[in-house]
Amino acid sequence: MEWGLMETPILLTNTLSVGSCSQGLVKYMVERYPGIGVEQDVLLP
């Protein structure tokens, strides 16, 4: 809402699995884009 941009996939799951999905998505994204958190900004799943 702040940037008006989407930069991650959207995941849908159950209420108590939001955290594990967020961690899984971060792991997936960092493997695909190893520059995240280094020469590129971090992301918010």
All heavy atoms as atom14 arrays in JSON, in Angstrom:
{
  "sequence": "MEWGLMETPILLTNTLSVGSCSQGLVKYMVERYPGIGVEQDVLLP",
  "atom14_mask": [
    [1, 1, 1, 1, 1, 1, 1, 1, 0, 0, 0, 0, 0, 0],
    [1, 1, 1, 1, 1, 1, 1, 1, 1, 0, 0, 0, 0, 0],
    [1, 1, 1, 1, 1, 1, 1, 1, 1, 1, 1, 1, 1, 1],
    [1, 1, 1, 1, 0, 0, 0, 0, 0, 0, 0, 0, 0, 0],
    [1, 1, 1, 1, 1, 1, 1, 1, 0, 0, 0, 0, 0, 0],
    [1, 1, 1, 1, 1, 1, 1, 1, 0, 0, 0, 0, 0, 0],
    [1, 1, 1, 1, 1, 1, 1, 1, 1, 0, 0, 0, 0, 0],
    [1, 1, 1, 1, 1, 1, 1, 0, 0, 0, 0, 0, 0, 0],
    [1, 1, 1, 1, 1, 1, 1, 0, 0, 0, 0, 0, 0, 0],
    [1, 1, 1, 1, 1, 1, 1, 1, 0, 0, 0, 0, 0, 0],
    [1, 1, 1, 1, 1, 1, 1, 1, 0, 0, 0, 0, 0, 0],
    [1, 1, 1, 1, 1, 1, 1, 1, 0, 0, 0, 0, 0, 0],
    [1, 1, 1, 1, 1, 1, 1, 0, 0, 0, 0, 0, 0, 0],
    [1, 1, 1, 1, 1, 1, 1, 1, 0, 0, 0, 0, 0, 0],
    [1, 1, 1, 1, 1, 1, 1, 0, 0, 0, 0, 0, 0, 0],
    [1, 1, 1, 1, 1, 1, 1, 1, 0, 0, 0, 0, 0, 0],
    [1, 1, 1, 1, 1, 1, 0, 0, 0, 0, 0, 0, 0, 0],
    [1, 1, 1, 1, 1, 1, 1, 0, 0, 0, 0, 0, 0, 0],
    [1, 1, 1, 1, 0, 0, 0, 0, 0, 0, 0, 0, 0, 0],
    [1, 1, 1, 1, 1, 1, 0, 0, 0, 0, 0, 0, 0, 0],
    [1, 1, 1, 1, 1, 1, 0, 0, 0, 0, 0, 0, 0, 0],
    [1, 1, 1, 1, 1, 1, 0, 0, 0, 0, 0, 0, 0, 0],
    [1, 1, 1, 1, 1, 1, 1, 1, 1, 0, 0, 0, 0, 0],
    [1, 1, 1, 1, 0, 0, 0, 0, 0, 0, 0, 0, 0, 0],
    [1, 1, 1, 1, 1, 1, 1, 1, 0, 0, 0, 0, 0, 0],
    [1, 1, 1, 1, 1, 1, 1, 0, 0, 0, 0, 0, 0, 0],
    [1, 1, 1, 1, 1, 1, 1, 1, 1, 0, 0, 0, 0, 0],
    [1, 1, 1, 1, 1, 1, 1, 1, 1, 1, 1, 1, 0, 0],
    [1, 1, 1, 1, 1, 1, 1, 1, 0, 0, 0, 0, 0, 0],
    [1, 1, 1, 1, 1, 1, 1, 0, 0, 0, 0, 0, 0, 0],
    [1, 1, 1, 1, 1, 1, 1, 1, 1, 0, 0, 0, 0, 0],
    [1, 1, 1, 1, 1, 1, 1, 1, 1, 1, 1, 0, 0, 0],
    [1, 1, 1, 1, 1, 1, 1, 1, 1, 1, 1, 1, 0, 0],
    [1, 1, 1, 1, 1, 1, 1, 0, 0, 0, 0, 0, 0, 0],
    [1, 1, 1, 1, 0, 0, 0, 0, 0, 0, 0, 0, 0, 0],
    [1, 1, 1, 1, 1, 1, 1, 1, 0, 0, 0, 0, 0, 0],
    [1, 1, 1, 1, 0, 0, 0, 0, 0, 0, 0, 0, 0, 0],
    [1, 1, 1, 1, 1, 1, 1, 0, 0, 0, 0, 0, 0, 0],
    [1, 1, 1, 1, 1, 1, 1, 1, 1, 0, 0, 0, 0, 0],
    [1, 1, 1, 1, 1, 1, 1, 1, 1, 0, 0, 0, 0, 0],
    [1, 1, 1, 1, 1, 1, 1, 1, 0, 0, 0, 0, 0, 0],
    [1, 1, 1, 1, 1, 1, 1, 0, 0, 0, 0, 0, 0, 0],
    [1, 1, 1, 1, 1, 1, 1, 1, 0, 0, 0, 0, 0, 0],
    [1, 1, 1, 1, 1, 1, 1, 1, 0, 0, 0, 0, 0, 0],
    [1, 1, 1, 1, 1, 1, 1, 0, 0, 0, 0, 0, 0, 0]
  ],
  "atom14_positions": [
    [[0.82, -1.21, 0.0], [0.0, 0.0, 0.0], [0.86, 1.26, 0.0], [0.46, 2.29, -0.55], [-0.93, -0.01, 1.21], [-1.89, -1.19, 1.26], [-2.95, -1.32, -0.2], [-3.99, 0.13, 0.01], [0.0, 0.0, 0.0], [0.0, 0.0, 0.0], [0.0, 0.0, 0.0], [0.0, 0.0, 0.0], [0.0, 0.0, 0.0], [0.0, 0.0, 0.0]],
    [[2.02, 1.2, 0.62], [2.92, 2.36, 0.68], [3.59, 2.63, -0.66], [3.64, 3.76, -1.13], [3.98, 2.14, 1.76], [4.96, 3.3, 1.93], [4.33, 4.53, 2.52], [3.27, 4.41, 3.2], [4.87, 5.64, 2.31], [0.0, 0.0, 0.0], [0.0, 0.0, 0.0], [0.0, 0.0, 0.0], [0.0, 0.0, 0.0], [0.0, 0.0, 0.0]],
    [[4.13, 1.58, -1.27], [4.87, 1.73, -2.53], [3.97, 1.63, -3.76], [4.33, 2.11, -4.83], [5.94, 0.65, -2.63], [7.12, 0.88, -1.75], [7.34, 1.93, -0.9], [8.27, 0.02, -1.65], [8.54, 1.78, -0.27], [9.15, 0.62, -0.71], [8.64, -1.18, -2.24], [10.36, 0.05, -0.35], [9.85, -1.74, -1.89], [10.71, -1.12, -0.96]],
    [[2.85, 0.93, -3.62], [2.03, 0.66, -4.79], [2.65, -0.35, -5.72], [2.35, -0.38, -6.92], [0.0, 0.0, 0.0], [0.0, 0.0, 0.0], [0.0, 0.0, 0.0], [0.0, 0.0, 0.0], [0.0, 0.0, 0.0], [0.0, 0.0, 0.0], [0.0, 0.0, 0.0], [0.0, 0.0, 0.0], [0.0, 0.0, 0.0], [0.0, 0.0, 0.0]],
    [[3.49, -1.23, -5.17], [4.19, -2.23, -5.96], [4.15, -3.59, -5.27], [4.18, -3.67, -4.05], [5.66, -1.84, -6.17], [5.94, -0.57, -6.98], [7.43, -0.26, -6.95], [5.45, -0.73, -8.41], [0.0, 0.0, 0.0], [0.0, 0.0, 0.0], [0.0, 0.0, 0.0], [0.0, 0.0, 0.0], [0.0, 0.0, 0.0], [0.0, 0.0, 0.0]],
    [[4.11, -4.64, -6.07], [4.2, -6.01, -5.6], [5.52, -6.6, -6.08], [5.85, -6.5, -7.26], [3.05, -6.84, -6.16], [3.04, -8.29, -5.75], [2.29, -8.52, -4.14], [0.61, -7.98, -4.5], [0.0, 0.0, 0.0], [0.0, 0.0, 0.0], [0.0, 0.0, 0.0], [0.0, 0.0, 0.0], [0.0, 0.0, 0.0], [0.0, 0.0, 0.0]],
    [[6.29, -7.21, -5.15], [7.58, -7.77, -5.55], [7.78, -9.2, -5.07], [8.87, -9.74, -5.2], [8.72, -6.88, -5.07], [8.83, -6.72, -3.57], [10.0, -5.83, -3.17], [10.59, -5.15, -4.06], [10.36, -5.83, -1.99], [0.0, 0.0, 0.0], [0.0, 0.0, 0.0], [0.0, 0.0, 0.0], [0.0, 0.0, 0.0], [0.0, 0.0, 0.0]],
    [[6.74, -9.82, -4.51], [6.82, -11.24, -4.16], [5.56, -11.95, -4.64], [4.53, -11.3, -4.89], [6.94, -11.47, -2.63], [5.64, -11.35, -2.02], [7.92, -10.49, -2.0], [0.0, 0.0, 0.0], [0.0, 0.0, 0.0], [0.0, 0.0, 0.0], [0.0, 0.0, 0.0], [0.0, 0.0, 0.0], [0.0, 0.0, 0.0], [0.0, 0.0, 0.0]],
    [[5.62, -13.27, -4.78], [4.38, -14.02, -5.0], [3.43, -13.8, -3.83], [3.84, -13.36, -2.74], [4.85, -15.47, -5.07], [6.3, -15.41, -5.37], [6.8, -14.15, -4.73], [0.0, 0.0, 0.0], [0.0, 0.0, 0.0], [0.0, 0.0, 0.0], [0.0, 0.0, 0.0], [0.0, 0.0, 0.0], [0.0, 0.0, 0.0], [0.0, 0.0, 0.0]],
    [[2.16, -14.13, -4.02], [1.15, -14.06, -2.97], [0.83, -15.49, -2.54], [0.51, -16.34, -3.38], [-0.13, -13.38, -3.48], [0.18, -11.98, -4.01], [-1.2, -13.33, -2.38], [-0.91, -11.4, -4.88], [0.0, 0.0, 0.0], [0.0, 0.0, 0.0], [0.0, 0.0, 0.0], [0.0, 0.0, 0.0], [0.0, 0.0, 0.0], [0.0, 0.0, 0.0]],
    [[0.92, -15.75, -1.24], [0.58, -17.06, -0.7], [-0.69, -16.98, 0.13], [-0.9, -16.01, 0.86], [1.72, -17.6, 0.17], [3.08, -17.79, -0.47], [4.06, -18.4, 0.54], [3.01, -18.65, -1.72], [0.0, 0.0, 0.0], [0.0, 0.0, 0.0], [0.0, 0.0, 0.0], [0.0, 0.0, 0.0], [0.0, 0.0, 0.0], [0.0, 0.0, 0.0]],
    [[-1.52, -18.01, 0.03], [-2.74, -18.14, 0.83], [-2.66, -19.43, 1.62], [-2.36, -20.48, 1.06], [-3.97, -18.14, -0.08], [-4.1, -16.98, -1.07], [-5.38, -17.12, -1.89], [-4.07, -15.63, -0.36], [0.0, 0.0, 0.0], [0.0, 0.0, 0.0], [0.0, 0.0, 0.0], [0.0, 0.0, 0.0], [0.0, 0.0, 0.0], [0.0, 0.0, 0.0]],
    [[-2.99, -19.35, 2.92], [-2.87, -20.53, 3.79], [-3.77, -20.36, 5.0], [-4.62, -19.46, 5.03], [-1.4, -20.73, 4.2], [-1.26, -22.0, 4.83], [-0.92, -19.63, 5.13], [0.0, 0.0, 0.0], [0.0, 0.0, 0.0], [0.0, 0.0, 0.0], [0.0, 0.0, 0.0], [0.0, 0.0, 0.0], [0.0, 0.0, 0.0], [0.0, 0.0, 0.0]],
    [[-3.58, -21.21, 6.02], [-4.38, -21.06, 7.24], [-3.73, -20.09, 8.22], [-2.55, -19.75, 8.1], [-4.63, -22.42, 7.9], [-3.4, -22.98, 8.59], [-2.91, -22.43, 9.59], [-2.87, -24.09, 8.07], [0.0, 0.0, 0.0], [0.0, 0.0, 0.0], [0.0, 0.0, 0.0], [0.0, 0.0, 0.0], [0.0, 0.0, 0.0], [0.0, 0.0, 0.0]],
    [[-4.48, -19.64, 9.21], [-4.08, -18.55, 10.09], [-2.76, -18.81, 10.8], [-1.89, -17.93, 10.86], [-5.18, -18.29, 11.14], [-6.43, -18.1, 10.46], [-4.87, -17.07, 11.98], [0.0, 0.0, 0.0], [0.0, 0.0, 0.0], [0.0, 0.0, 0.0], [0.0, 0.0, 0.0], [0.0, 0.0, 0.0], [0.0, 0.0, 0.0], [0.0, 0.0, 0.0]],
    [[-2.57, -20.0, 11.33], [-1.38, -20.28, 12.13], [-0.19, -20.74, 11.3], [0.86, -21.08, 11.85], [-1.7, -21.3, 13.22], [-2.77, -20.87, 14.23], [-2.86, -21.86, 15.39], [-2.5, -19.46, 14.77], [0.0, 0.0, 0.0], [0.0, 0.0, 0.0], [0.0, 0.0, 0.0], [0.0, 0.0, 0.0], [0.0, 0.0, 0.0], [0.0, 0.0, 0.0]],
    [[-0.35, -20.74, 9.98], [0.77, -21.11, 9.1], [1.32, -19.92, 8.34], [2.15, -20.09, 7.44], [0.32, -22.2, 8.11], [0.03, -23.41, 8.79], [0.0, 0.0, 0.0], [0.0, 0.0, 0.0], [0.0, 0.0, 0.0], [0.0, 0.0, 0.0], [0.0, 0.0, 0.0], [0.0, 0.0, 0.0], [0.0, 0.0, 0.0], [0.0, 0.0, 0.0]],
    [[0.87, -18.71, 8.69], [1.39, -17.52, 8.02], [2.9, -17.42, 8.21], [3.65, -17.13, 7.28], [0.69, -16.26, 8.55], [1.39, -15.0, 8.04], [-0.77, -16.25, 8.13], [0.0, 0.0, 0.0], [0.0, 0.0, 0.0], [0.0, 0.0, 0.0], [0.0, 0.0, 0.0], [0.0, 0.0, 0.0], [0.0, 0.0, 0.0], [0.0, 0.0, 0.0]],
    [[3.38, -17.66, 9.43], [4.8, -17.56, 9.71], [5.63, -18.54, 8.93], [6.67, -18.18, 8.34], [0.0, 0.0, 0.0], [0.0, 0.0, 0.0], [0.0, 0.0, 0.0], [0.0, 0.0, 0.0], [0.0, 0.0, 0.0], [0.0, 0.0, 0.0], [0.0, 0.0, 0.0], [0.0, 0.0, 0.0], [0.0, 0.0, 0.0], [0.0, 0.0, 0.0]],
    [[5.21, -19.8, 8.89], [5.99, -20.81, 8.17], [5.96, -20.55, 6.66], [6.96, -20.77, 5.96], [5.47, -22.22, 8.47], [4.1, -22.34, 8.12], [0.0, 0.0, 0.0], [0.0, 0.0, 0.0], [0.0, 0.0, 0.0], [0.0, 0.0, 0.0], [0.0, 0.0, 0.0], [0.0, 0.0, 0.0], [0.0, 0.0, 0.0], [0.0, 0.0, 0.0]],
    [[4.84, -20.05, 6.15], [4.78, -19.7, 4.73], [5.68, -18.51, 4.42], [6.36, -18.48, 3.39], [3.34, -19.4, 4.32], [2.33, -20.86, 4.06], [0.0, 0.0, 0.0], [0.0, 0.0, 0.0], [0.0, 0.0, 0.0], [0.0, 0.0, 0.0], [0.0, 0.0, 0.0], [0.0, 0.0, 0.0], [0.0, 0.0, 0.0], [0.0, 0.0, 0.0]],
    [[5.68, -17.54, 5.32], [6.55, -16.38, 5.14], [8.02, -16.8, 5.12], [8.8, -16.39, 4.24], [6.31, -15.36, 6.25], [7.11, -14.23, 6.09], [0.0, 0.0, 0.0], [0.0, 0.0, 0.0], [0.0, 0.0, 0.0], [0.0, 0.0, 0.0], [0.0, 0.0, 0.0], [0.0, 0.0, 0.0], [0.0, 0.0, 0.0], [0.0, 0.0, 0.0]],
    [[8.4, -17.66, 6.05], [9.78, -18.15, 6.09], [10.12, -18.96, 4.84], [11.21, -18.84, 4.27], [10.0, -18.98, 7.34], [10.02, -18.17, 8.62], [10.29, -19.02, 9.84], [10.3, -20.26, 9.77], [10.52, -18.39, 10.97], [0.0, 0.0, 0.0], [0.0, 0.0, 0.0], [0.0, 0.0, 0.0], [0.0, 0.0, 0.0], [0.0, 0.0, 0.0]],
    [[9.17, -19.81, 4.42], [9.39, -20.62, 3.23], [9.56, -19.76, 1.99], [10.41, -20.04, 1.13], [0.0, 0.0, 0.0], [0.0, 0.0, 0.0], [0.0, 0.0, 0.0], [0.0, 0.0, 0.0], [0.0, 0.0, 0.0], [0.0, 0.0, 0.0], [0.0, 0.0, 0.0], [0.0, 0.0, 0.0], [0.0, 0.0, 0.0], [0.0, 0.0, 0.0]],
    [[8.76, -18.7, 1.89], [8.84, -17.82, 0.73], [10.15, -17.03, 0.74], [10.77, -16.84, -0.32], [7.64, -16.88, 0.7], [7.54, -15.95, -0.51], [7.65, -16.73, -1.82], [6.23, -15.17, -0.46], [0.0, 0.0, 0.0], [0.0, 0.0, 0.0], [0.0, 0.0, 0.0], [0.0, 0.0, 0.0], [0.0, 0.0, 0.0], [0.0, 0.0, 0.0]],
    [[10.58, -16.58, 1.91], [11.87, -15.89, 2.0], [13.0, -16.81, 1.55], [13.88, -16.43, 0.76], [12.13, -15.38, 3.43], [13.58, -14.94, 3.59], [11.19, -14.24, 3.78], [0.0, 0.0, 0.0], [0.0, 0.0, 0.0], [0.0, 0.0, 0.0], [0.0, 0.0, 0.0], [0.0, 0.0, 0.0], [0.0, 0.0, 0.0], [0.0, 0.0, 0.0]],
    [[12.99, -18.05, 2.02], [14.01, -19.03, 1.64], [14.02, -19.23, 0.12], [15.08, -19.23, -0.53], [13.75, -20.34, 2.36], [14.8, -21.43, 2.15], [14.51, -22.62, 3.06], [15.6, -23.69, 2.96], [15.56, -24.41, 1.68], [0.0, 0.0, 0.0], [0.0, 0.0, 0.0], [0.0, 0.0, 0.0], [0.0, 0.0, 0.0], [0.0, 0.0, 0.0]],
    [[12.83, -19.38, -0.45], [12.69, -19.57, -1.89], [13.24, -18.37, -2.66], [14.0, -18.52, -3.63], [11.21, -19.8, -2.22], [10.87, -19.81, -3.69], [10.96, -20.97, -4.43], [10.43, -18.64, -4.32], [10.63, -20.99, -5.79], [10.09, -18.64, -5.67], [10.21, -19.82, -6.39], [9.88, -19.81, -7.73], [0.0, 0.0, 0.0], [0.0, 0.0, 0.0]],
    [[12.89, -17.17, -2.22], [13.3, -15.96, -2.92], [14.8, -15.72, -2.81], [15.45, -15.33, -3.78], [12.52, -14.76, -2.39], [11.02, -14.81, -2.63], [10.56, -14.73, -4.37], [10.79, -12.98, -4.69], [0.0, 0.0, 0.0], [0.0, 0.0, 0.0], [0.0, 0.0, 0.0], [0.0, 0.0, 0.0], [0.0, 0.0, 0.0], [0.0, 0.0, 0.0]],
    [[15.36, -15.94, -1.63], [16.81, -15.73, -1.44], [17.61, -16.71, -2.29], [18.67, -16.37, -2.84], [17.19, -15.82, 0.05], [18.7, -15.87, 0.23], [16.6, -14.64, 0.82], [0.0, 0.0, 0.0], [0.0, 0.0, 0.0], [0.0, 0.0, 0.0], [0.0, 0.0, 0.0], [0.0, 0.0, 0.0], [0.0, 0.0, 0.0], [0.0, 0.0, 0.0]],
    [[17.12, -17.94, -2.43], [17.8, -18.91, -3.29], [17.77, -18.48, -4.75], [18.74, -18.66, -5.49], [17.15, -20.28, -3.13], [17.47, -20.95, -1.79], [16.75, -22.27, -1.63], [15.95, -22.64, -2.53], [16.98, -22.94, -0.6], [0.0, 0.0, 0.0], [0.0, 0.0, 0.0], [0.0, 0.0, 0.0], [0.0, 0.0, 0.0], [0.0, 0.0, 0.0]],
    [[16.65, -17.9, -5.17], [16.52, -17.46, -6.57], [17.25, -16.14, -6.82], [17.76, -15.91, -7.92], [15.04, -17.28, -6.93], [14.25, -18.57, -7.03], [12.94, -18.35, -7.75], [13.14, -18.03, -9.16], [12.16, -17.69, -9.99], [10.91, -17.58, -9.54], [12.41, -17.42, -11.25], [0.0, 0.0, 0.0], [0.0, 0.0, 0.0], [0.0, 0.0, 0.0]],
    [[17.27, -15.28, -5.81], [17.86, -13.95, -5.94], [18.85, -13.75, -4.79], [18.54, -13.1, -3.79], [16.79, -12.87, -5.92], [15.65, -13.11, -6.89], [14.46, -13.73, -6.48], [15.77, -12.73, -8.23], [13.43, -13.95, -7.36], [14.73, -12.95, -9.12], [13.56, -13.57, -8.68], [12.54, -13.78, -9.57], [0.0, 0.0, 0.0], [0.0, 0.0, 0.0]],
    [[20.06, -14.28, -4.91], [21.02, -14.24, -3.8], [21.47, -12.84, -3.43], [22.1, -12.66, -2.37], [22.19, -15.1, -4.32], [22.0, -15.2, -5.78], [20.55, -15.07, -6.05], [0.0, 0.0, 0.0], [0.0, 0.0, 0.0], [0.0, 0.0, 0.0], [0.0, 0.0, 0.0], [0.0, 0.0, 0.0], [0.0, 0.0, 0.0], [0.0, 0.0, 0.0]],
    [[21.15, -11.85, -4.23], [21.51, -10.47, -3.9], [20.61, -9.83, -2.86], [20.9, -8.74, -2.35], [0.0, 0.0, 0.0], [0.0, 0.0, 0.0], [0.0, 0.0, 0.0], [0.0, 0.0, 0.0], [0.0, 0.0, 0.0], [0.0, 0.0, 0.0], [0.0, 0.0, 0.0], [0.0, 0.0, 0.0], [0.0, 0.0, 0.0], [0.0, 0.0, 0.0]],
    [[19.48, -10.5, -2.51], [18.56, -9.95, -1.5], [19.3, -9.8, -0.18], [19.93, -10.74, 0.31], [17.33, -10.85, -1.34], [16.46, -10.81, -2.61], [16.5, -10.45, -0.13], [15.3, -11.77, -2.61], [0.0, 0.0, 0.0], [0.0, 0.0, 0.0], [0.0, 0.0, 0.0], [0.0, 0.0, 0.0], [0.0, 0.0, 0.0], [0.0, 0.0, 0.0]],
    [[19.21, -8.6, 0.39], [19.86, -8.34, 1.66], [21.35, -8.08, 1.56], [22.02, -7.89, 2.58], [0.0, 0.0, 0.0], [0.0, 0.0, 0.0], [0.0, 0.0, 0.0], [0.0, 0.0, 0.0], [0.0, 0.0, 0.0], [0.0, 0.0, 0.0], [0.0, 0.0, 0.0], [0.0, 0.0, 0.0], [0.0, 0.0, 0.0], [0.0, 0.0, 0.0]],
    [[21.87, -8.07, 0.32], [23.3, -7.8, 0.1], [23.41, -6.54, -0.75], [23.48, -5.43, -0.23], [24.01, -9.0, -0.56], [25.51, -8.74, -0.66], [23.74, -10.28, 0.21], [0.0, 0.0, 0.0], [0.0, 0.0, 0.0], [0.0, 0.0, 0.0], [0.0, 0.0, 0.0], [0.0, 0.0, 0.0], [0.0, 0.0, 0.0], [0.0, 0.0, 0.0]],
    [[23.35, -6.69, -2.1], [23.34, -5.5, -2.94], [21.92, -5.05, -3.29], [21.73, -3.97, -3.85], [24.14, -5.71, -4.23], [23.52, -6.7, -5.19], [24.08, -8.11, -5.02], [24.71, -8.38, -3.98], [23.88, -8.93, -5.94], [0.0, 0.0, 0.0], [0.0, 0.0, 0.0], [0.0, 0.0, 0.0], [0.0, 0.0, 0.0], [0.0, 0.0, 0.0]],
    [[20.94, -5.89, -2.96], [19.54, -5.52, -3.16], [18.85, -5.42, -1.81], [19.3, -5.97, -0.8], [18.83, -6.54, -4.05], [19.29, -6.5, -5.49], [18.63, -7.61, -6.3], [18.9, -8.79, -6.09], [17.76, -7.23, -7.22], [0.0, 0.0, 0.0], [0.0, 0.0, 0.0], [0.0, 0.0, 0.0], [0.0, 0.0, 0.0], [0.0, 0.0, 0.0]],
    [[17.71, -4.7, -1.81], [16.95, -4.51, -0.58], [16.37, -5.84, -0.11], [16.29, -6.82, -0.86], [15.83, -3.51, -0.84], [15.36, -2.81, 0.44], [15.81, -3.21, 1.52], [14.55, -1.87, 0.33], [0.0, 0.0, 0.0], [0.0, 0.0, 0.0], [0.0, 0.0, 0.0], [0.0, 0.0, 0.0], [0.0, 0.0, 0.0], [0.0, 0.0, 0.0]],
    [[15.97, -5.88, 1.17], [15.25, -7.04, 1.69], [13.84, -7.03, 1.13], [13.42, -6.1, 0.45], [15.22, -7.03, 3.24], [16.61, -7.16, 3.8], [14.53, -5.76, 3.76], [0.0, 0.0, 0.0], [0.0, 0.0, 0.0], [0.0, 0.0, 0.0], [0.0, 0.0, 0.0], [0.0, 0.0, 0.0], [0.0, 0.0, 0.0], [0.0, 0.0, 0.0]],
    [[13.06, -8.07, 1.4], [11.69, -8.14, 0.9], [10.73, -8.49, 2.03], [11.13, -9.01, 3.08], [11.57, -9.15, -0.24], [12.01, -10.59, 0.0], [10.95, -11.4, 0.71], [12.38, -11.25, -1.32], [0.0, 0.0, 0.0], [0.0, 0.0, 0.0], [0.0, 0.0, 0.0], [0.0, 0.0, 0.0], [0.0, 0.0, 0.0], [0.0, 0.0, 0.0]],
    [[9.46, -8.21, 1.78], [8.4, -8.53, 2.74], [7.39, -9.44, 2.05], [6.62, -8.98, 1.19], [7.72, -7.25, 3.23], [8.6, -6.34, 4.1], [7.9, -5.01, 4.34], [8.91, -7.01, 5.43], [0.0, 0.0, 0.0], [0.0, 0.0, 0.0], [0.0, 0.0, 0.0], [0.0, 0.0, 0.0], [0.0, 0.0, 0.0], [0.0, 0.0, 0.0]],
    [[7.37, -10.73, 2.38], [6.47, -11.68, 1.72], [5.0, -11.32, 1.94], [4.61, -10.85, 3.02], [6.8, -13.02, 2.39], [8.14, -12.83, 3.0], [8.21, -11.38, 3.38], [0.0, 0.0, 0.0], [0.0, 0.0, 0.0], [0.0, 0.0, 0.0], [0.0, 0.0, 0.0], [0.0, 0.0, 0.0], [0.0, 0.0, 0.0], [0.0, 0.0, 0.0]]
  ]
}
